[in-house]
Structure formats: structure tokens, C-alpha cells
Amino acid sequence: MKVEDIKKVGVVGSGVMGHGLAINSALWGYPTIMHDVNDEVLQKAMKNINFTLDIFVDEGLIDRKRSESTLANITTTSDLVKLAANSDFITEAIIERSEDKYELFNKLDKLCPPHTIIVSNTSSLVLSDFGRGVKRQDKIAVTHYFSPPAIVPGVEVAKGPGTSDETFNITHELMKKWHKEPIKVLKEKKGYLINRLQGALFQEATKLWAEGVATAEELDKGVRATIGFRMPHEGPLMRFEMAGLMSWPGEIRRNIVKFMLQHTPPTGETLDKILKHYEGDEVWFVPPERRDQALESAYREYTRRLKNMYWSKGT
């Protein structure tokens, strides 16, 4: 099988992630069928798809004709049998619960044609958690997108214990056809790459807040104005070299690295304070009644960045 053999795409789950996944394939000419439990849920998903495409048009990422053709490529169904029969590549984007994914993967395994590749958008589980029992072990994988998935270019492409090189490479190439930036994950690791990195930053930020070192506002501002300002151009490993540290004596480099690796998880009163904050209703930045407005503003900024940094180079 080759990536060119993938003609029709299925998405199971139309929620926060699923509707964006449907845009990814439909935008690049792939007939895409999106599944969920009933028509009411699917209508809400189509409303969200229109919302995102309108932003794309407003920000000059695509024109109105391209938006209309994208919508024309998307159909919806509550019939899983119909989706399975009409898909060469299926992405699962249902609730992050192992038993639900296990049931779905095994059901799709029985319903799909033998050639169909089935992938999961899981962000914390691994294929070994829910892929057991699937007969097509060589044709299952993970594509972990980041919210909003129709905009954020990075996608982690991960293997399971039985994933074939063919499936892994086809999935990687398909992401590139959809103008994504696929990130290869070679081993099963819960949280994969980016969520583990995000988690480390979140851990230290909440710890500093709970210890009273800085307010949440100052911590977020600090990240946006420093490492966040640089990160569109360099990751944490390149930063070490860009800072010129490799020209310093080895002993100094070693001491700096040891300092960077010293951090420990919060405990005791610090942990209690963090958990109490997130159990309560107090918010730092986005009150629930302003979330839609904040999301639209962020999506527009993300879209401009996508256009200028990724689409402009003809990914």
C-alpha cells in the first residue's frame, strides 16, 4: 500500500478535536466522512467547522471558494458501518478512555476493509492500552494532534508494538500531504513528546505560583515574552546551542545542565494549593463567559502564524 492509495478518510468523533481533523483532510481534497452518536452532535460539529473556515477566509489563508469546496468534501453519519465501508484511513477522536477506544478499535477492525489504516488521536494513552485484540496490528498507529487541530501544524506520529514501517511511513507522508508537520515518535511513551514537555513547564509554573514566587499573570507574561517569543524558531535543545554555551568550557556547560535538571515535583502545602485552585472556580485569564471570544482571537492569531510561517514555505 502507498499513500496515494488513500482516497477516502473517516473521522470517528466530532467534538473539540474531531471536527478539526475533518477539516485537515477535506481542505486538501479528500472526501471525508465524520461520525458521531447522533445528528444533533454532528450539526454542532458542522457549525464549528464553518466557524474555523470563516476565520481562514477572513485571515487570507484560503478564499471563499476553497472554503466551500472543503465543506463539500465533508459528509456526516451516525452509522459506523457506513463510515467503515467508505474509508481508507480512519482517525479515532473519541473520549480519552481506554475501554471506549478498545471497543471502537476492535469494532472498526471487523467492519473495515483489510487495507484500511486505523489511527488514534490519543494524547495520553498508548496503543498497547487499547489496541489489543485488533487483528490488523500492522495497520494501527497514533496521530496526536494539538488543539486547535485544523490550525496547529505539528502532529505526533507514533508507533504501537505491531505497527509496520509501511503504515508508519504512509501515515507520516499523509500528514505532509495535509500540510502538517509530522513528528516521529519511535517508542510507546505515555504523553508522547510534546505533552511531556508541556507538563514539565506546567509543573514548574504552578509550583512557582503556589510558592508565591510570582503571580499567574507574571508567569504567563514571562513565558510569552521570552522562551515563547523564541520558540517559533527554535526548540529547547537548539536553544542550548543558540545561546553559545557550546563555546564555553565543558565544566561550566556541565554545571548549567545539572542546574536545569534539578527540578522536582511539588509536594506538601505547595501541591495542596495547586490542587485546590484547580478544584475551585477561580480563573486567572479566561472566565467561562469569555471563552468563545478568547478562542476566536487566539484562532485568528494562530491562523496568521500558520500562514506566514508554514504555508508560505509551501510545506
Protein backbone atom coordinates (compact mmCIF):
# COMPACT_ATOMS: atom_id res chain seq x y z
CA MET A 1 0.00 0.00 0.00
CA LYS A 2 1.13 3.56 -0.76
CA VAL A 3 -0.03 6.95 0.47
CA GLU A 4 -1.55 7.52 -2.98
CA ASP A 5 -3.92 4.62 -2.31
CA ILE A 6 -5.65 6.63 0.41
CA LYS A 7 -8.59 8.28 -1.32
CA LYS A 8 -11.31 8.47 1.36
CA VAL A 9 -10.93 9.45 5.01
CA GLY A 10 -13.05 8.79 8.09
CA VAL A 11 -13.12 10.56 11.46
CA VAL A 12 -14.87 8.97 14.44
CA GLY A 13 -15.82 11.62 16.98
CA SER A 14 -16.77 15.18 16.06
CA GLY A 15 -16.00 17.06 19.25
CA VAL A 16 -13.22 19.53 20.10
CA MET A 17 -10.67 17.56 18.10
CA GLY A 18 -12.74 15.54 15.64
CA HIS A 19 -14.32 18.39 13.69
CA GLY A 20 -10.86 19.93 13.20
CA LEU A 21 -9.49 16.62 11.94
CA ALA A 22 -12.22 16.55 9.31
CA ILE A 23 -11.08 19.97 8.10
CA ASN A 24 -7.47 18.76 7.79
CA SER A 25 -8.27 16.14 5.17
CA ALA A 26 -11.19 17.85 3.43
CA LEU A 27 -9.17 21.03 2.93
CA TRP A 28 -6.75 19.12 0.73
CA GLY A 29 -9.33 17.43 -1.45
CA TYR A 30 -10.00 14.19 0.46
CA PRO A 31 -13.66 13.13 0.72
CA THR A 32 -14.13 12.90 4.48
CA ILE A 33 -16.91 11.25 6.45
CA MET A 34 -17.34 12.31 10.08
CA HIS A 35 -19.16 10.11 12.58
CA ASP A 36 -20.80 10.74 15.92
CA VAL A 37 -23.63 9.39 18.04
CA ASN A 38 -26.47 11.48 16.60
CA ASP A 39 -27.40 14.25 14.17
CA GLU A 40 -27.59 16.93 16.87
CA VAL A 41 -23.94 16.42 17.81
CA LEU A 42 -22.93 16.37 14.14
CA GLN A 43 -24.80 19.62 13.42
CA LYS A 44 -22.86 21.31 16.22
CA ALA A 45 -19.63 19.96 14.70
CA MET A 46 -20.53 21.40 11.29
CA LYS A 47 -21.19 24.76 12.96
CA ASN A 48 -17.68 24.62 14.45
CA ILE A 49 -16.23 23.69 11.06
CA ASN A 50 -17.89 26.71 9.46
CA PHE A 51 -16.56 28.91 12.28
CA THR A 52 -12.97 27.80 11.63
CA LEU A 53 -13.24 28.07 7.85
CA ASP A 54 -14.66 31.60 8.17
CA ILE A 55 -11.55 32.56 10.15
CA PHE A 56 -9.36 31.01 7.45
CA VAL A 57 -11.12 33.14 4.81
CA ASP A 58 -11.07 36.33 6.90
CA GLU A 59 -7.34 35.95 7.57
CA GLY A 60 -6.48 35.23 3.92
CA LEU A 61 -5.34 31.64 4.47
CA ILE A 62 -7.87 30.40 1.87
CA ASP A 63 -10.54 32.02 -0.28
CA ARG A 64 -14.29 31.53 -0.08
CA LYS A 65 -14.28 29.07 -2.98
CA ARG A 66 -11.76 26.89 -1.13
CA SER A 67 -13.93 27.04 1.99
CA GLU A 68 -16.96 25.88 0.02
CA SER A 69 -15.06 23.01 -1.60
CA THR A 70 -13.80 21.94 1.83
CA LEU A 71 -17.35 21.82 3.15
CA ALA A 72 -18.44 19.88 0.08
CA ASN A 73 -15.81 17.23 0.91
CA ILE A 74 -17.31 16.60 4.36
CA THR A 75 -20.28 14.34 4.97
CA THR A 76 -21.65 13.20 8.31
CA THR A 77 -23.16 9.98 9.61
CA SER A 78 -24.22 8.27 12.81
CA ASP A 79 -23.78 4.91 11.08
CA LEU A 80 -20.37 3.44 11.92
CA VAL A 81 -20.81 0.66 9.36
CA LYS A 82 -21.19 3.28 6.61
CA LEU A 83 -18.05 5.12 7.73
CA ALA A 84 -16.01 1.92 7.94
CA ALA A 85 -17.04 0.76 4.47
CA ASN A 86 -16.09 4.09 2.90
CA SER A 87 -12.72 4.87 4.49
CA ASP A 88 -9.14 4.03 3.57
CA PHE A 89 -7.78 5.88 6.61
CA ILE A 90 -9.70 6.41 9.86
CA THR A 91 -8.81 8.64 12.79
CA GLU A 92 -10.42 7.94 16.16
CA ALA A 93 -11.09 11.06 18.23
CA ILE A 94 -13.46 9.87 20.94
CA ILE A 95 -13.28 10.25 24.73
CA GLU A 96 -9.86 9.64 26.29
CA ARG A 97 -10.87 6.39 27.98
CA SER A 98 -9.05 3.16 27.25
CA GLU A 99 -12.06 0.84 27.36
CA ASP A 100 -14.04 3.01 24.91
CA LYS A 101 -11.15 3.12 22.48
CA TYR A 102 -10.61 -0.63 22.85
CA GLU A 103 -14.24 -1.29 21.94
CA LEU A 104 -14.13 1.07 18.96
CA PHE A 105 -10.81 -0.20 17.55
CA ASN A 106 -11.95 -3.80 17.69
CA LYS A 107 -15.29 -2.91 16.12
CA LEU A 108 -13.61 -1.00 13.29
CA ASP A 109 -11.17 -3.86 12.80
CA LYS A 110 -14.12 -6.14 11.99
CA LEU A 111 -16.03 -3.60 9.87
CA CYS A 112 -13.27 -2.04 7.75
CA PRO A 113 -11.81 -3.40 4.52
CA PRO A 114 -8.48 -5.21 5.08
CA HIS A 115 -6.38 -2.34 3.71
CA THR A 116 -7.80 0.40 5.98
CA ILE A 117 -5.38 2.07 8.38
CA ILE A 118 -6.87 2.98 11.78
CA VAL A 119 -5.17 5.61 13.93
CA SER A 120 -5.93 7.23 17.27
CA ASN A 121 -5.70 10.86 18.29
CA THR A 122 -4.99 9.86 21.90
CA SER A 123 -2.87 12.30 23.87
CA SER A 124 -2.11 10.23 26.97
CA LEU A 125 -2.80 6.56 26.23
CA VAL A 126 -0.70 4.24 24.06
CA LEU A 127 -1.81 1.62 21.54
CA SER A 128 -0.89 -1.18 23.93
CA ASP A 129 -3.63 0.16 26.24
CA PHE A 130 -6.48 -0.26 23.77
CA GLY A 131 -5.20 -1.86 20.55
CA ARG A 132 -5.02 -5.38 21.95
CA GLY A 133 -7.25 -7.85 20.16
CA VAL A 134 -7.11 -5.95 16.88
CA LYS A 135 -6.10 -8.35 14.14
CA ARG A 136 -4.56 -5.70 11.87
CA GLN A 137 -1.79 -4.81 14.35
CA ASP A 138 0.40 -3.73 11.45
CA LYS A 139 -2.19 -1.16 10.33
CA ILE A 140 -2.83 0.77 13.56
CA ALA A 141 -0.92 3.82 14.75
CA VAL A 142 -1.28 7.14 16.60
CA THR A 143 -1.59 10.64 15.16
CA HIS A 144 -1.66 13.02 18.12
CA TYR A 145 -2.85 16.46 17.02
CA PHE A 146 -2.84 19.61 19.12
CA SER A 147 -5.78 21.92 19.71
CA PRO A 148 -6.98 23.56 17.53
CA PRO A 149 -6.07 20.65 15.23
CA ALA A 150 -7.10 22.33 11.99
CA ILE A 151 -4.58 25.12 12.69
CA VAL A 152 -1.67 23.85 14.80
CA PRO A 153 0.73 22.31 12.26
CA GLY A 154 2.52 19.79 14.49
CA VAL A 155 1.24 16.18 14.70
CA GLU A 156 2.97 13.41 16.62
CA VAL A 157 3.03 10.19 14.58
CA ALA A 158 3.63 7.26 16.91
CA LYS A 159 4.08 3.52 16.56
CA GLY A 160 2.47 0.75 18.54
CA PRO A 161 4.23 -2.55 19.21
CA GLY A 162 2.88 -4.05 15.97
CA THR A 163 2.80 -1.02 13.67
CA SER A 164 4.56 -1.80 10.40
CA ASP A 165 7.11 0.55 8.89
CA GLU A 166 4.81 0.79 5.87
CA THR A 167 1.90 2.08 7.96
CA PHE A 168 4.17 4.41 9.92
CA ASN A 169 5.64 5.90 6.75
CA ILE A 170 2.28 6.17 4.96
CA THR A 171 0.81 7.99 7.95
CA HIS A 172 3.81 10.32 8.08
CA GLU A 173 3.52 11.10 4.37
CA LEU A 174 -0.24 11.64 4.61
CA MET A 175 0.28 14.26 7.30
CA LYS A 176 2.66 16.08 4.96
CA LYS A 177 0.05 15.97 2.19
CA TRP A 178 -2.30 17.71 4.60
CA HIS A 179 0.35 20.41 5.18
CA LYS A 180 1.07 19.24 8.71
CA GLU A 181 4.47 18.96 10.38
CA PRO A 182 4.69 15.28 11.40
CA ILE A 183 6.87 14.50 14.41
CA LYS A 184 8.09 10.90 14.55
CA VAL A 185 7.73 9.10 17.90
CA LEU A 186 9.67 5.85 17.71
CA LYS A 187 8.67 4.21 21.01
CA GLU A 188 5.49 3.96 23.08
CA LYS A 189 5.59 6.58 25.81
CA LYS A 190 2.52 7.85 27.64
CA GLY A 191 2.13 11.55 26.96
CA TYR A 192 4.38 11.18 23.90
CA LEU A 193 6.81 14.07 23.38
CA ILE A 194 5.11 17.43 23.49
CA ASN A 195 2.64 16.81 26.31
CA ARG A 196 5.51 15.63 28.48
CA LEU A 197 7.43 18.82 27.68
CA GLN A 198 4.30 20.91 28.27
CA GLY A 199 3.72 19.05 31.52
CA ALA A 200 7.20 19.87 32.79
CA LEU A 201 6.67 23.58 32.12
CA PHE A 202 3.19 23.49 33.67
CA GLN A 203 4.58 21.69 36.73
CA GLU A 204 7.25 24.30 37.39
CA ALA A 205 4.93 27.25 36.65
CA THR A 206 2.23 26.09 39.05
CA LYS A 207 4.84 25.30 41.68
CA LEU A 208 6.33 28.81 41.44
CA TRP A 209 2.84 30.31 41.70
CA ALA A 210 1.91 28.19 44.71
CA GLU A 211 5.17 29.11 46.47
CA GLY A 212 4.36 32.80 45.98
CA VAL A 213 7.38 33.48 43.78
CA ALA A 214 5.22 35.20 41.13
CA THR A 215 1.59 35.65 40.13
CA ALA A 216 -0.01 33.59 37.38
CA GLU A 217 -0.16 36.73 35.22
CA GLU A 218 3.58 37.41 35.57
CA LEU A 219 4.49 33.77 34.92
CA ASP A 220 2.47 33.62 31.70
CA LYS A 221 3.73 37.02 30.58
CA GLY A 222 7.29 35.92 31.27
CA VAL A 223 6.95 32.81 29.12
CA ARG A 224 5.27 34.67 26.24
CA ALA A 225 7.89 37.43 26.25
CA THR A 226 10.97 35.18 26.44
CA ILE A 227 11.01 31.47 25.57
CA GLY A 228 7.61 31.74 23.88
CA PHE A 229 8.92 34.62 21.78
CA ARG A 230 11.83 32.47 20.57
CA MET A 231 10.08 29.12 20.22
CA PRO A 232 8.55 29.69 16.78
CA HIS A 233 12.16 29.48 15.58
CA GLU A 234 13.90 27.09 17.97
CA GLY A 235 13.11 24.29 20.40
CA PRO A 236 14.64 23.71 23.83
CA LEU A 237 17.57 21.66 22.52
CA MET A 238 18.57 24.12 19.79
CA ARG A 239 18.31 26.96 22.34
CA PHE A 240 21.21 25.49 24.30
CA GLU A 241 23.40 25.79 21.21
CA MET A 242 21.99 29.13 20.02
CA ALA A 243 22.90 30.64 23.40
CA GLY A 244 26.57 29.98 22.62
CA LEU A 245 27.04 27.62 25.53
CA MET A 246 28.87 25.06 23.41
CA SER A 247 31.79 27.51 23.13
CA TRP A 248 32.12 27.66 26.92
CA PRO A 249 34.36 25.29 28.93
CA GLY A 250 32.88 21.82 29.40
CA GLU A 251 32.84 22.16 33.20
CA ILE A 252 30.61 25.26 33.01
CA ARG A 253 28.28 23.58 30.50
CA ARG A 254 28.01 20.59 32.81
CA ASN A 255 27.09 22.79 35.80
CA ILE A 256 24.41 24.60 33.77
CA VAL A 257 22.88 21.33 32.61
CA LYS A 258 22.89 19.97 36.17
CA PHE A 259 21.05 23.12 37.31
CA MET A 260 18.47 22.75 34.51
CA LEU A 261 17.83 19.14 35.54
CA GLN A 262 17.39 19.80 39.26
CA HIS A 263 13.65 20.49 39.35
CA THR A 264 11.37 18.24 41.40
CA PRO A 265 7.58 17.82 41.51
CA PRO A 266 5.60 19.91 44.04
CA THR A 267 4.69 18.29 47.34
CA GLY A 268 3.01 19.11 50.65
CA GLU A 269 1.36 22.54 51.01
CA THR A 270 2.52 23.58 47.55
CA LEU A 271 0.77 20.64 45.90
CA ASP A 272 -2.36 21.18 48.04
CA LYS A 273 -2.56 24.83 46.97
CA ILE A 274 -2.27 23.92 43.28
CA LEU A 275 -4.94 21.22 43.51
CA LYS A 276 -7.27 23.50 45.50
CA HIS A 277 -7.02 26.16 42.81
CA TYR A 278 -7.95 23.78 40.01
CA GLU A 279 -10.77 22.20 42.05
CA GLY A 280 -12.33 25.64 42.54
CA ASP A 281 -13.98 28.13 40.17
CA GLU A 282 -11.39 30.92 40.27
CA VAL A 283 -9.80 31.66 36.89
CA TRP A 284 -6.72 33.70 36.06
CA PHE A 285 -7.24 34.61 32.43
CA VAL A 286 -10.39 33.37 30.69
CA PRO A 287 -13.75 33.42 32.51
CA PRO A 288 -16.16 30.84 31.05
CA GLU A 289 -18.42 33.56 29.61
CA ARG A 290 -15.46 34.98 27.64
CA ARG A 291 -14.02 31.69 26.39
CA ASP A 292 -15.59 31.80 22.92
CA GLN A 293 -14.32 35.34 22.38
CA ALA A 294 -10.84 34.38 23.62
CA LEU A 295 -10.77 31.32 21.37
CA GLU A 296 -11.71 33.31 18.29
CA SER A 297 -8.98 35.85 18.99
CA ALA A 298 -6.43 33.09 19.53
CA TYR A 299 -7.52 31.15 16.42
CA ARG A 300 -7.07 34.26 14.30
CA GLU A 301 -3.58 34.82 15.66
CA TYR A 302 -2.72 31.13 15.16
CA THR A 303 -4.04 31.27 11.59
CA ARG A 304 -1.86 34.27 10.72
CA ARG A 305 1.15 32.46 12.16
CA LEU A 306 0.27 29.30 10.22
CA LYS A 307 0.01 31.30 7.01
CA ASN A 308 3.26 33.22 7.48
CA MET A 309 5.45 30.51 8.96
CA TYR A 310 4.30 27.25 7.36
CA TRP A 311 2.04 27.68 4.36
CA SER A 312 4.23 30.43 2.90
CA LYS A 313 7.12 27.98 2.54
CA GLY A 314 4.98 25.51 0.58
CA THR A 315 5.04 22.68 3.13
